[in-house]
Amino acid sequence: MKLSSKFITYNSRRDSLLVPTGNADFAGLVRGNKTLGAILELLKTDTDEAGIVRALCARFDAPEAVIAADVEKALAELRKIGALEE
């Protein structure tokens, strides 16, 4: 899976943003934390859910089960708005 080219990302010190382009069916703005920002960065190249979990486990000091649940929830929300190409 990969982030749709119909969306662009922006990361500031505090927030991560996902913004649809004019070609997206979603009209709005997705605002998240650094974890979402890391997920979005990983989705800029073709990857899978397990690969995202592994990368986040290496980066953040949190239990794998917690990271896996967060990734699953984030991917479900990104699917809802059409932000993923699978």
N, C-alpha and C. Protein backbone atom coordinates (compact mmCIF):
# COMPACT_ATOMS: atom_id res chain seq x y z
N MET A 1 0.84 -1.17 0.00
CA MET A 1 0.00 0.00 0.00
C MET A 1 0.89 1.23 0.00
N LYS A 2 0.27 2.35 -0.39
CA LYS A 2 1.02 3.58 -0.54
C LYS A 2 0.05 4.75 -0.39
N LEU A 3 0.58 5.90 0.03
CA LEU A 3 -0.23 7.10 0.13
C LEU A 3 -0.65 7.55 -1.27
N SER A 4 -1.90 7.89 -1.43
CA SER A 4 -2.41 8.32 -2.72
C SER A 4 -1.75 9.63 -3.14
N SER A 5 -1.51 9.75 -4.43
CA SER A 5 -0.92 10.98 -4.96
C SER A 5 -1.91 12.14 -4.91
N LYS A 6 -3.14 11.87 -4.51
CA LYS A 6 -4.16 12.91 -4.38
C LYS A 6 -4.06 13.63 -3.03
N PHE A 7 -3.04 13.28 -2.23
CA PHE A 7 -2.85 13.89 -0.93
C PHE A 7 -1.39 14.32 -0.77
N ILE A 8 -1.20 15.42 -0.04
CA ILE A 8 0.15 15.86 0.29
C ILE A 8 0.27 15.95 1.81
N THR A 9 1.50 15.85 2.29
CA THR A 9 1.73 15.89 3.73
C THR A 9 2.55 17.11 4.10
N TYR A 10 2.39 17.51 5.35
CA TYR A 10 3.18 18.59 5.91
C TYR A 10 3.41 18.28 7.38
N ASN A 11 4.66 18.39 7.82
CA ASN A 11 4.99 18.16 9.22
C ASN A 11 5.59 19.42 9.82
N SER A 12 5.01 19.85 10.95
CA SER A 12 5.58 20.96 11.70
C SER A 12 6.18 20.38 12.98
N ARG A 13 6.63 21.21 13.85
CA ARG A 13 7.19 20.71 15.12
C ARG A 13 6.14 19.97 15.95
N ARG A 14 4.91 20.41 15.87
CA ARG A 14 3.87 19.85 16.73
C ARG A 14 2.88 18.95 16.02
N ASP A 15 2.58 19.24 14.76
CA ASP A 15 1.50 18.54 14.07
C ASP A 15 1.95 17.96 12.74
N SER A 16 1.19 16.98 12.33
CA SER A 16 1.33 16.42 10.99
C SER A 16 0.01 16.65 10.27
N LEU A 17 0.10 17.12 9.04
CA LEU A 17 -1.10 17.42 8.28
C LEU A 17 -1.15 16.59 7.01
N LEU A 18 -2.34 16.18 6.65
CA LEU A 18 -2.59 15.50 5.39
C LEU A 18 -3.65 16.32 4.67
N VAL A 19 -3.27 16.80 3.49
CA VAL A 19 -4.12 17.74 2.76
C VAL A 19 -4.47 17.14 1.40
N PRO A 20 -5.77 17.10 1.05
CA PRO A 20 -6.15 16.58 -0.26
C PRO A 20 -5.86 17.61 -1.36
N THR A 21 -5.53 17.13 -2.52
CA THR A 21 -5.40 18.00 -3.68
C THR A 21 -6.78 18.18 -4.30
N GLY A 22 -6.87 18.94 -5.34
CA GLY A 22 -8.16 19.16 -5.99
C GLY A 22 -8.75 17.91 -6.60
N ASN A 23 -7.94 16.87 -6.80
CA ASN A 23 -8.41 15.63 -7.42
C ASN A 23 -9.00 14.64 -6.43
N ALA A 24 -8.88 14.90 -5.14
CA ALA A 24 -9.35 13.96 -4.12
C ALA A 24 -10.85 14.11 -3.90
N ASP A 25 -11.49 13.02 -3.55
CA ASP A 25 -12.91 13.05 -3.22
C ASP A 25 -13.14 13.59 -1.82
N PHE A 26 -12.12 13.56 -0.98
CA PHE A 26 -12.20 14.04 0.39
C PHE A 26 -11.96 15.54 0.43
N ALA A 27 -12.81 16.25 1.14
CA ALA A 27 -12.64 17.70 1.30
C ALA A 27 -12.47 17.97 2.78
N GLY A 28 -11.28 18.28 3.18
CA GLY A 28 -11.02 18.54 4.59
C GLY A 28 -9.53 18.52 4.84
N LEU A 29 -9.18 18.46 6.09
CA LEU A 29 -7.80 18.46 6.52
C LEU A 29 -7.66 17.43 7.63
N VAL A 30 -6.63 16.60 7.55
CA VAL A 30 -6.38 15.63 8.60
C VAL A 30 -5.19 16.14 9.40
N ARG A 31 -5.40 16.29 10.70
CA ARG A 31 -4.35 16.79 11.58
C ARG A 31 -4.05 15.72 12.61
N GLY A 32 -2.76 15.40 12.77
CA GLY A 32 -2.38 14.36 13.71
C GLY A 32 -1.08 14.69 14.41
N ASN A 33 -0.62 13.73 15.20
CA ASN A 33 0.60 13.89 15.97
C ASN A 33 1.81 13.35 15.21
N LYS A 34 2.94 13.27 15.90
CA LYS A 34 4.17 12.78 15.27
C LYS A 34 4.07 11.32 14.82
N THR A 35 3.27 10.54 15.53
CA THR A 35 3.09 9.15 15.12
C THR A 35 2.40 9.08 13.76
N LEU A 36 1.35 9.86 13.58
CA LEU A 36 0.70 9.89 12.27
C LEU A 36 1.68 10.40 11.22
N GLY A 37 2.46 11.39 11.56
CA GLY A 37 3.46 11.91 10.62
C GLY A 37 4.44 10.83 10.19
N ALA A 38 4.86 10.00 11.14
CA ALA A 38 5.79 8.91 10.81
C ALA A 38 5.10 7.89 9.91
N ILE A 39 3.84 7.59 10.18
CA ILE A 39 3.09 6.65 9.34
C ILE A 39 2.96 7.20 7.93
N LEU A 40 2.62 8.47 7.82
CA LEU A 40 2.47 9.08 6.49
C LEU A 40 3.79 9.08 5.72
N GLU A 41 4.89 9.35 6.40
CA GLU A 41 6.21 9.32 5.74
C GLU A 41 6.51 7.92 5.21
N LEU A 42 6.20 6.90 6.01
CA LEU A 42 6.44 5.52 5.58
C LEU A 42 5.55 5.14 4.39
N LEU A 43 4.38 5.75 4.32
CA LEU A 43 3.45 5.45 3.23
C LEU A 43 3.81 6.16 1.93
N LYS A 44 4.83 6.97 1.94
CA LYS A 44 5.26 7.63 0.71
C LYS A 44 5.93 6.64 -0.24
N THR A 45 6.35 5.51 0.29
CA THR A 45 6.86 4.41 -0.53
C THR A 45 5.98 3.19 -0.28
N ASP A 46 5.98 2.28 -1.20
CA ASP A 46 5.15 1.09 -1.08
C ASP A 46 5.57 0.27 0.14
N THR A 47 4.62 -0.03 1.02
CA THR A 47 4.91 -0.76 2.25
C THR A 47 3.68 -1.57 2.64
N ASP A 48 3.77 -2.25 3.76
CA ASP A 48 2.62 -2.96 4.30
C ASP A 48 2.48 -2.64 5.78
N GLU A 49 1.40 -3.07 6.36
CA GLU A 49 1.12 -2.75 7.77
C GLU A 49 2.21 -3.27 8.70
N ALA A 50 2.68 -4.49 8.46
CA ALA A 50 3.72 -5.06 9.30
C ALA A 50 5.02 -4.25 9.20
N GLY A 51 5.34 -3.77 8.02
CA GLY A 51 6.54 -2.96 7.84
C GLY A 51 6.45 -1.64 8.58
N ILE A 52 5.26 -1.05 8.59
CA ILE A 52 5.05 0.20 9.33
C ILE A 52 5.22 -0.05 10.82
N VAL A 53 4.64 -1.12 11.31
CA VAL A 53 4.76 -1.45 12.74
C VAL A 53 6.22 -1.66 13.11
N ARG A 54 6.96 -2.41 12.30
CA ARG A 54 8.38 -2.64 12.60
C ARG A 54 9.16 -1.33 12.65
N ALA A 55 8.92 -0.47 11.68
CA ALA A 55 9.64 0.81 11.63
C ALA A 55 9.30 1.68 12.84
N LEU A 56 8.05 1.70 13.24
CA LEU A 56 7.67 2.52 14.39
C LEU A 56 8.19 1.93 15.69
N CYS A 57 8.25 0.62 15.79
CA CYS A 57 8.82 -0.01 16.99
C CYS A 57 10.30 0.35 17.15
N ALA A 58 10.99 0.47 16.03
CA ALA A 58 12.40 0.85 16.08
C ALA A 58 12.58 2.32 16.45
N ARG A 59 11.58 3.13 16.15
CA ARG A 59 11.68 4.58 16.36
C ARG A 59 11.14 5.03 17.71
N PHE A 60 10.04 4.42 18.16
CA PHE A 60 9.37 4.86 19.38
C PHE A 60 9.49 3.83 20.49
N ASP A 61 9.55 4.30 21.72
CA ASP A 61 9.64 3.44 22.88
C ASP A 61 8.23 3.16 23.40
N ALA A 62 7.59 2.18 22.79
CA ALA A 62 6.23 1.80 23.18
C ALA A 62 6.06 0.31 22.90
N PRO A 63 5.15 -0.35 23.59
CA PRO A 63 4.91 -1.77 23.34
C PRO A 63 4.42 -2.00 21.90
N GLU A 64 4.87 -3.09 21.31
CA GLU A 64 4.49 -3.40 19.93
C GLU A 64 2.99 -3.49 19.76
N ALA A 65 2.29 -4.04 20.74
CA ALA A 65 0.83 -4.18 20.63
C ALA A 65 0.16 -2.81 20.55
N VAL A 66 0.67 -1.85 21.28
CA VAL A 66 0.11 -0.49 21.26
C VAL A 66 0.37 0.15 19.90
N ILE A 67 1.58 0.00 19.41
CA ILE A 67 1.93 0.56 18.10
C ILE A 67 1.09 -0.09 17.01
N ALA A 68 0.95 -1.41 17.06
CA ALA A 68 0.16 -2.13 16.05
C ALA A 68 -1.28 -1.66 16.05
N ALA A 69 -1.86 -1.43 17.22
CA ALA A 69 -3.25 -0.96 17.31
C ALA A 69 -3.36 0.45 16.74
N ASP A 70 -2.38 1.30 17.03
CA ASP A 70 -2.39 2.67 16.49
C ASP A 70 -2.27 2.68 14.97
N VAL A 71 -1.41 1.84 14.45
CA VAL A 71 -1.23 1.75 13.00
C VAL A 71 -2.51 1.25 12.34
N GLU A 72 -3.11 0.22 12.91
CA GLU A 72 -4.35 -0.32 12.37
C GLU A 72 -5.45 0.75 12.32
N LYS A 73 -5.58 1.51 13.39
CA LYS A 73 -6.59 2.56 13.45
C LYS A 73 -6.30 3.66 12.43
N ALA A 74 -5.04 4.08 12.33
CA ALA A 74 -4.68 5.13 11.39
C ALA A 74 -4.93 4.69 9.95
N LEU A 75 -4.56 3.47 9.62
CA LEU A 75 -4.77 2.97 8.26
C LEU A 75 -6.26 2.87 7.93
N ALA A 76 -7.06 2.47 8.90
CA ALA A 76 -8.51 2.38 8.68
C ALA A 76 -9.08 3.77 8.37
N GLU A 77 -8.63 4.77 9.09
CA GLU A 77 -9.11 6.13 8.85
C GLU A 77 -8.63 6.64 7.49
N LEU A 78 -7.39 6.34 7.14
CA LEU A 78 -6.87 6.78 5.83
C LEU A 78 -7.62 6.09 4.68
N ARG A 79 -8.01 4.85 4.89
CA ARG A 79 -8.80 4.14 3.88
C ARG A 79 -10.16 4.82 3.70
N LYS A 80 -10.78 5.21 4.81
CA LYS A 80 -12.11 5.84 4.76
C LYS A 80 -12.13 7.08 3.88
N ILE A 81 -11.03 7.84 3.90
CA ILE A 81 -11.02 9.08 3.14
C ILE A 81 -10.37 8.91 1.77
N GLY A 82 -10.00 7.69 1.42
CA GLY A 82 -9.44 7.42 0.11
C GLY A 82 -7.99 7.85 -0.05
N ALA A 83 -7.25 7.88 1.07
CA ALA A 83 -5.87 8.35 1.03
C ALA A 83 -4.86 7.24 0.73
N LEU A 84 -5.31 6.01 0.62
CA LEU A 84 -4.39 4.90 0.36
C LEU A 84 -4.63 4.27 -1.00
N GLU A 85 -3.54 3.91 -1.66
CA GLU A 85 -3.58 3.09 -2.87
C GLU A 85 -3.13 1.70 -2.46
N GLU A 86 -3.99 0.72 -2.70
CA GLU A 86 -3.62 -0.64 -2.28
C GLU A 86 -3.51 -1.58 -3.43
